[in-house]
Amino acid sequence: RGGGANRVMVVDEGGRLVGIISASDVARWIQKRQTLAELAGDGGLPAGGRGE
């Protein structure tokens, strides 16, 4: 796993672009903010879709 090329755009609840992070950081980001609006990108990870 390790893909520096995998970039994910992070958008907050207001629809503002927070920044672009690596796909590996997405998991940590979701854990910190499970209420984040959407994670847009090729990976298309479902926000809060980890089912907790």
N, C-alpha and C. Protein backbone atom coordinates (compact mmCIF):
# COMPACT_ATOMS: atom_id res chain seq x y z
N ARG A 1 0.86 -1.16 0.00
CA ARG A 1 0.00 0.00 0.00
C ARG A 1 0.88 1.18 0.00
N GLY A 2 0.96 2.15 -0.27
CA GLY A 2 1.80 3.23 -0.25
C GLY A 2 1.67 3.94 -1.48
N GLY A 3 0.85 4.80 -1.73
CA GLY A 3 0.77 5.44 -2.99
C GLY A 3 0.83 6.90 -2.83
N GLY A 4 1.94 7.49 -3.23
CA GLY A 4 2.04 8.94 -3.15
C GLY A 4 1.18 9.57 -4.22
N ALA A 5 0.86 8.80 -5.24
CA ALA A 5 0.09 9.35 -6.36
C ALA A 5 -1.40 9.41 -6.03
N ASN A 6 -1.79 8.67 -5.00
CA ASN A 6 -3.21 8.65 -4.63
C ASN A 6 -3.54 9.90 -3.81
N ARG A 7 -4.13 10.88 -4.46
CA ARG A 7 -4.46 12.11 -3.76
C ARG A 7 -5.97 12.23 -3.60
N VAL A 8 -6.40 12.71 -2.46
CA VAL A 8 -7.83 12.83 -2.20
C VAL A 8 -8.16 14.25 -1.80
N MET A 9 -9.18 14.81 -2.43
CA MET A 9 -9.61 16.16 -2.09
C MET A 9 -10.52 16.10 -0.87
N VAL A 10 -10.25 16.91 0.13
CA VAL A 10 -11.06 16.91 1.35
C VAL A 10 -11.97 18.13 1.36
N VAL A 11 -13.27 17.87 1.49
CA VAL A 11 -14.24 18.96 1.51
C VAL A 11 -14.97 18.96 2.85
N ASP A 12 -15.10 20.11 3.48
CA ASP A 12 -15.76 20.17 4.78
C ASP A 12 -17.28 20.23 4.62
N GLU A 13 -17.97 20.36 5.74
CA GLU A 13 -19.43 20.34 5.70
C GLU A 13 -19.99 21.49 4.87
N GLY A 14 -19.24 22.58 4.80
CA GLY A 14 -19.72 23.75 4.07
C GLY A 14 -19.43 23.65 2.58
N GLY A 15 -18.76 22.58 2.19
CA GLY A 15 -18.46 22.42 0.78
C GLY A 15 -17.17 23.12 0.39
N ARG A 16 -16.43 23.54 1.39
CA ARG A 16 -15.17 24.24 1.11
C ARG A 16 -14.04 23.22 0.98
N LEU A 17 -13.14 23.48 0.08
CA LEU A 17 -12.01 22.58 -0.11
C LEU A 17 -11.01 22.79 1.02
N VAL A 18 -10.87 21.77 1.87
CA VAL A 18 -9.96 21.88 3.01
C VAL A 18 -8.53 21.69 2.54
N GLY A 19 -8.34 20.74 1.64
CA GLY A 19 -6.99 20.50 1.13
C GLY A 19 -6.94 19.17 0.41
N ILE A 20 -5.74 18.83 -0.03
CA ILE A 20 -5.57 17.56 -0.74
C ILE A 20 -4.59 16.70 0.05
N ILE A 21 -5.03 15.53 0.46
CA ILE A 21 -4.18 14.66 1.26
C ILE A 21 -3.99 13.32 0.57
N SER A 22 -3.06 12.53 1.06
CA SER A 22 -2.82 11.23 0.47
C SER A 22 -3.89 10.25 0.91
N ALA A 23 -4.16 9.26 0.11
CA ALA A 23 -5.22 8.31 0.40
C ALA A 23 -4.97 7.60 1.73
N SER A 24 -3.71 7.42 2.08
CA SER A 24 -3.39 6.72 3.33
C SER A 24 -3.80 7.55 4.54
N ASP A 25 -3.88 8.86 4.36
CA ASP A 25 -4.26 9.74 5.46
C ASP A 25 -5.77 9.87 5.61
N VAL A 26 -6.49 9.39 4.60
CA VAL A 26 -7.95 9.51 4.63
C VAL A 26 -8.54 8.78 5.83
N ALA A 27 -8.03 7.59 6.10
CA ALA A 27 -8.54 6.80 7.23
C ALA A 27 -8.38 7.56 8.54
N ARG A 28 -7.24 8.18 8.73
CA ARG A 28 -7.01 8.95 9.95
C ARG A 28 -7.94 10.15 10.01
N TRP A 29 -8.16 10.76 8.85
CA TRP A 29 -9.01 11.95 8.79
C TRP A 29 -10.44 11.59 9.15
N ILE A 30 -10.91 10.44 8.65
CA ILE A 30 -12.28 10.00 8.94
C ILE A 30 -12.43 9.73 10.42
N GLN A 31 -11.41 9.16 11.04
CA GLN A 31 -11.48 8.85 12.46
C GLN A 31 -11.58 10.13 13.28
N LYS A 32 -10.92 11.17 12.82
CA LYS A 32 -10.96 12.45 13.53
C LYS A 32 -12.27 13.18 13.29
N ARG A 33 -12.76 13.11 12.04
CA ARG A 33 -13.99 13.83 11.72
C ARG A 33 -14.91 12.92 10.94
N GLN A 34 -15.68 12.13 11.64
CA GLN A 34 -16.59 11.20 10.98
C GLN A 34 -17.75 11.95 10.34
N THR A 35 -17.91 13.21 10.70
CA THR A 35 -19.05 13.97 10.18
C THR A 35 -18.66 14.79 8.96
N LEU A 36 -17.48 14.50 8.40
CA LEU A 36 -17.07 15.30 7.25
C LEU A 36 -17.96 15.02 6.06
N ALA A 37 -18.24 16.03 5.31
CA ALA A 37 -19.23 15.93 4.23
C ALA A 37 -18.87 14.85 3.22
N GLU A 38 -17.83 15.03 2.48
CA GLU A 38 -17.48 14.07 1.44
C GLU A 38 -15.99 14.02 1.20
N LEU A 39 -15.53 12.85 0.74
CA LEU A 39 -14.14 12.74 0.31
C LEU A 39 -14.17 12.50 -1.18
N ALA A 40 -13.77 13.47 -1.93
CA ALA A 40 -13.83 13.32 -3.38
C ALA A 40 -12.49 12.88 -3.94
N GLY A 41 -12.53 12.06 -4.96
CA GLY A 41 -11.29 11.59 -5.55
C GLY A 41 -11.52 10.30 -6.33
N ASP A 42 -10.49 9.80 -6.96
CA ASP A 42 -10.61 8.57 -7.73
C ASP A 42 -11.00 7.41 -6.83
N GLY A 43 -10.47 7.41 -5.61
CA GLY A 43 -10.76 6.32 -4.67
C GLY A 43 -12.23 6.34 -4.28
N GLY A 44 -12.81 7.52 -4.20
CA GLY A 44 -14.22 7.65 -3.88
C GLY A 44 -14.62 6.92 -2.61
N LEU A 45 -13.92 7.18 -1.52
CA LEU A 45 -14.24 6.52 -0.26
C LEU A 45 -15.53 7.10 0.31
N PRO A 46 -16.46 6.25 0.71
CA PRO A 46 -17.71 6.72 1.31
C PRO A 46 -17.45 7.34 2.67
N ALA A 47 -17.92 8.54 2.89
CA ALA A 47 -17.69 9.21 4.17
C ALA A 47 -18.41 8.46 5.29
N GLY A 48 -17.68 8.09 6.32
CA GLY A 48 -18.28 7.38 7.44
C GLY A 48 -18.81 6.02 7.03
N GLY A 49 -18.27 5.46 5.99
CA GLY A 49 -18.77 4.17 5.49
C GLY A 49 -18.09 2.99 6.14
N ARG A 50 -17.28 3.27 7.15
CA ARG A 50 -16.58 2.18 7.83
C ARG A 50 -17.53 1.40 8.73
N GLY A 51 -18.70 1.92 9.01
CA GLY A 51 -19.71 1.19 9.78
C GLY A 51 -19.33 0.98 11.21
N GLU A 52 -19.38 2.03 12.02
CA GLU A 52 -19.09 1.87 13.44
C GLU A 52 -20.33 2.19 14.24
